[in-house]
Amino acid sequence: MTLRLSVYRAPWRAHIAEVATQTPGLLPVVKGNGYGLGQATLMPIAAELSGTIAIGSVHELAGVPGDVTPLVLTPALLAPGRQDAIMT
């Protein structure tokens, strides 16, 4: 059985913008498969909302735009590939 998710982009983006405006200090989270939408789709949207984006692990650092500070949620023994990454 297949589940297909359709997102109406304009209303969804408007909702995201409204929530972001009403939520000071919002920290977008883009991890794993991007909640089914894909990291490549969500990362630029998250970057519009904040200068910091939370990601799941150091293995996802490559997908974070260079002008955004990544916050890595999963502890890691190895140093990340980016010096600006915030490790938790």
C-alpha atoms as a PDB file:
ATOM      1  CA  MET A   1       0.000   0.000   0.000  1.00  0.00           C
ATOM      2  CA  THR A   2       1.380   3.386  -0.993  1.00  0.00           C
ATOM      3  CA  LEU A   3       0.655   6.676   0.692  1.00  0.00           C
ATOM      4  CA  ARG A   4       0.965   9.793  -1.408  1.00  0.00           C
ATOM      5  CA  LEU A   5       1.296  13.182   0.240  1.00  0.00           C
ATOM      6  CA  SER A   6       0.359  16.232  -1.789  1.00  0.00           C
ATOM      7  CA  VAL A   7       1.258  19.647  -0.458  1.00  0.00           C
ATOM      8  CA  TYR A   8      -0.288  22.803  -1.835  1.00  0.00           C
ATOM      9  CA  ARG A   9       2.843  24.910  -1.823  1.00  0.00           C
ATOM     10  CA  ALA A  10       1.449  28.464  -1.618  1.00  0.00           C
ATOM     11  CA  PRO A  11      -0.862  27.906   1.392  1.00  0.00           C
ATOM     12  CA  TRP A  12       1.782  25.765   3.108  1.00  0.00           C
ATOM     13  CA  ARG A  13       4.474  28.411   2.653  1.00  0.00           C
ATOM     14  CA  ALA A  14       2.065  31.123   3.846  1.00  0.00           C
ATOM     15  CA  HIS A  15       1.350  29.086   6.972  1.00  0.00           C
ATOM     16  CA  ILE A  16       5.064  28.565   7.607  1.00  0.00           C
ATOM     17  CA  ALA A  17       5.716  32.299   7.230  1.00  0.00           C
ATOM     18  CA  GLU A  18       2.883  33.131   9.631  1.00  0.00           C
ATOM     19  CA  VAL A  19       4.086  30.675  12.270  1.00  0.00           C
ATOM     20  CA  ALA A  20       7.676  31.910  11.908  1.00  0.00           C
ATOM     21  CA  THR A  21       6.555  35.511  12.352  1.00  0.00           C
ATOM     22  CA  GLN A  22       4.649  34.604  15.508  1.00  0.00           C
ATOM     23  CA  THR A  23       7.466  32.470  16.952  1.00  0.00           C
ATOM     24  CA  PRO A  24      10.553  34.470  17.905  1.00  0.00           C
ATOM     25  CA  GLY A  25      13.629  32.267  18.191  1.00  0.00           C
ATOM     26  CA  LEU A  26      12.192  29.598  15.912  1.00  0.00           C
ATOM     27  CA  LEU A  27      14.742  26.894  15.104  1.00  0.00           C
ATOM     28  CA  PRO A  28      13.871  24.923  11.974  1.00  0.00           C
ATOM     29  CA  VAL A  29      14.686  21.202  12.034  1.00  0.00           C
ATOM     30  CA  VAL A  30      15.490  19.315   8.829  1.00  0.00           C
ATOM     31  CA  LYS A  31      16.664  15.765   9.404  1.00  0.00           C
ATOM     32  CA  GLY A  32      16.531  12.293   7.981  1.00  0.00           C
ATOM     33  CA  ASN A  33      14.542  12.237   4.777  1.00  0.00           C
ATOM     34  CA  GLY A  34      13.121  15.706   5.366  1.00  0.00           C
ATOM     35  CA  TYR A  35       9.897  14.305   6.808  1.00  0.00           C
ATOM     36  CA  GLY A  36       9.094  12.737   3.461  1.00  0.00           C
ATOM     37  CA  LEU A  37       9.531  15.966   1.529  1.00  0.00           C
ATOM     38  CA  GLY A  38      13.291  15.618   1.148  1.00  0.00           C
ATOM     39  CA  GLN A  39      16.080  17.635   2.689  1.00  0.00           C
ATOM     40  CA  ALA A  40      16.817  19.303  -0.644  1.00  0.00           C
ATOM     41  CA  THR A  41      13.274  20.699  -0.656  1.00  0.00           C
ATOM     42  CA  LEU A  42      13.117  21.770   2.985  1.00  0.00           C
ATOM     43  CA  MET A  43      16.634  23.113   3.553  1.00  0.00           C
ATOM     44  CA  PRO A  44      16.242  26.315   1.466  1.00  0.00           C
ATOM     45  CA  ILE A  45      12.875  27.020   3.091  1.00  0.00           C
ATOM     46  CA  ALA A  46      14.360  26.541   6.553  1.00  0.00           C
ATOM     47  CA  ALA A  47      17.276  28.809   5.615  1.00  0.00           C
ATOM     48  CA  GLU A  48      14.801  31.599   4.823  1.00  0.00           C
ATOM     49  CA  LEU A  49      13.450  31.330   8.366  1.00  0.00           C
ATOM     50  CA  SER A  50      16.642  31.236  10.410  1.00  0.00           C
ATOM     51  CA  GLY A  51      20.399  31.551  10.272  1.00  0.00           C
ATOM     52  CA  THR A  52      20.622  28.279  12.221  1.00  0.00           C
ATOM     53  CA  ILE A  53      19.077  24.947  11.225  1.00  0.00           C
ATOM     54  CA  ALA A  54      18.980  21.836  13.396  1.00  0.00           C
ATOM     55  CA  ILE A  55      19.948  18.616  11.631  1.00  0.00           C
ATOM     56  CA  GLY A  56      19.918  15.036  12.816  1.00  0.00           C
ATOM     57  CA  SER A  57      23.560  14.022  12.565  1.00  0.00           C
ATOM     58  CA  VAL A  58      26.995  15.017  11.311  1.00  0.00           C
ATOM     59  CA  HIS A  59      26.262  12.966   8.192  1.00  0.00           C
ATOM     60  CA  GLU A  60      23.707  15.596   7.156  1.00  0.00           C
ATOM     61  CA  LEU A  61      26.118  18.544   7.314  1.00  0.00           C
ATOM     62  CA  ALA A  62      26.732  18.507   3.568  1.00  0.00           C
ATOM     63  CA  GLY A  63      23.115  19.487   2.903  1.00  0.00           C
ATOM     64  CA  VAL A  64      23.220  22.645   5.022  1.00  0.00           C
ATOM     65  CA  PRO A  65      23.814  25.841   3.023  1.00  0.00           C
ATOM     66  CA  GLY A  66      27.178  27.466   3.701  1.00  0.00           C
ATOM     67  CA  ASP A  67      25.635  30.672   5.044  1.00  0.00           C
ATOM     68  CA  VAL A  68      23.595  28.791   7.669  1.00  0.00           C
ATOM     69  CA  THR A  69      24.903  27.500  11.006  1.00  0.00           C
ATOM     70  CA  PRO A  70      24.045  23.826  11.526  1.00  0.00           C
ATOM     71  CA  LEU A  71      23.070  22.577  14.977  1.00  0.00           C
ATOM     72  CA  VAL A  72      23.700  18.819  15.150  1.00  0.00           C
ATOM     73  CA  LEU A  73      21.137  17.054  17.359  1.00  0.00           C
ATOM     74  CA  THR A  74      22.763  13.622  17.661  1.00  0.00           C
ATOM     75  CA  PRO A  75      25.966  13.444  19.714  1.00  0.00           C
ATOM     76  CA  ALA A  76      28.974  12.269  17.720  1.00  0.00           C
ATOM     77  CA  LEU A  77      32.456  11.098  18.608  1.00  0.00           C
ATOM     78  CA  LEU A  78      33.923  12.415  15.376  1.00  0.00           C
ATOM     79  CA  ALA A  79      34.431  16.096  14.724  1.00  0.00           C
ATOM     80  CA  PRO A  80      32.073  17.501  12.093  1.00  0.00           C
ATOM     81  CA  GLY A  81      33.244  18.509   8.650  1.00  0.00           C
ATOM     82  CA  ARG A  82      32.315  22.131   9.346  1.00  0.00           C
ATOM     83  CA  GLN A  83      33.951  24.322  11.939  1.00  0.00           C
ATOM     84  CA  ASP A  84      30.799  26.396  12.471  1.00  0.00           C
ATOM     85  CA  ALA A  85      28.602  23.413  13.414  1.00  0.00           C
ATOM     86  CA  ILE A  86      27.075  23.529  16.884  1.00  0.00           C
ATOM     87  CA  MET A  87      27.359  20.116  18.505  1.00  0.00           C
ATOM     88  CA  THR A  88      24.868  19.054  21.191  1.00  0.00           C
END
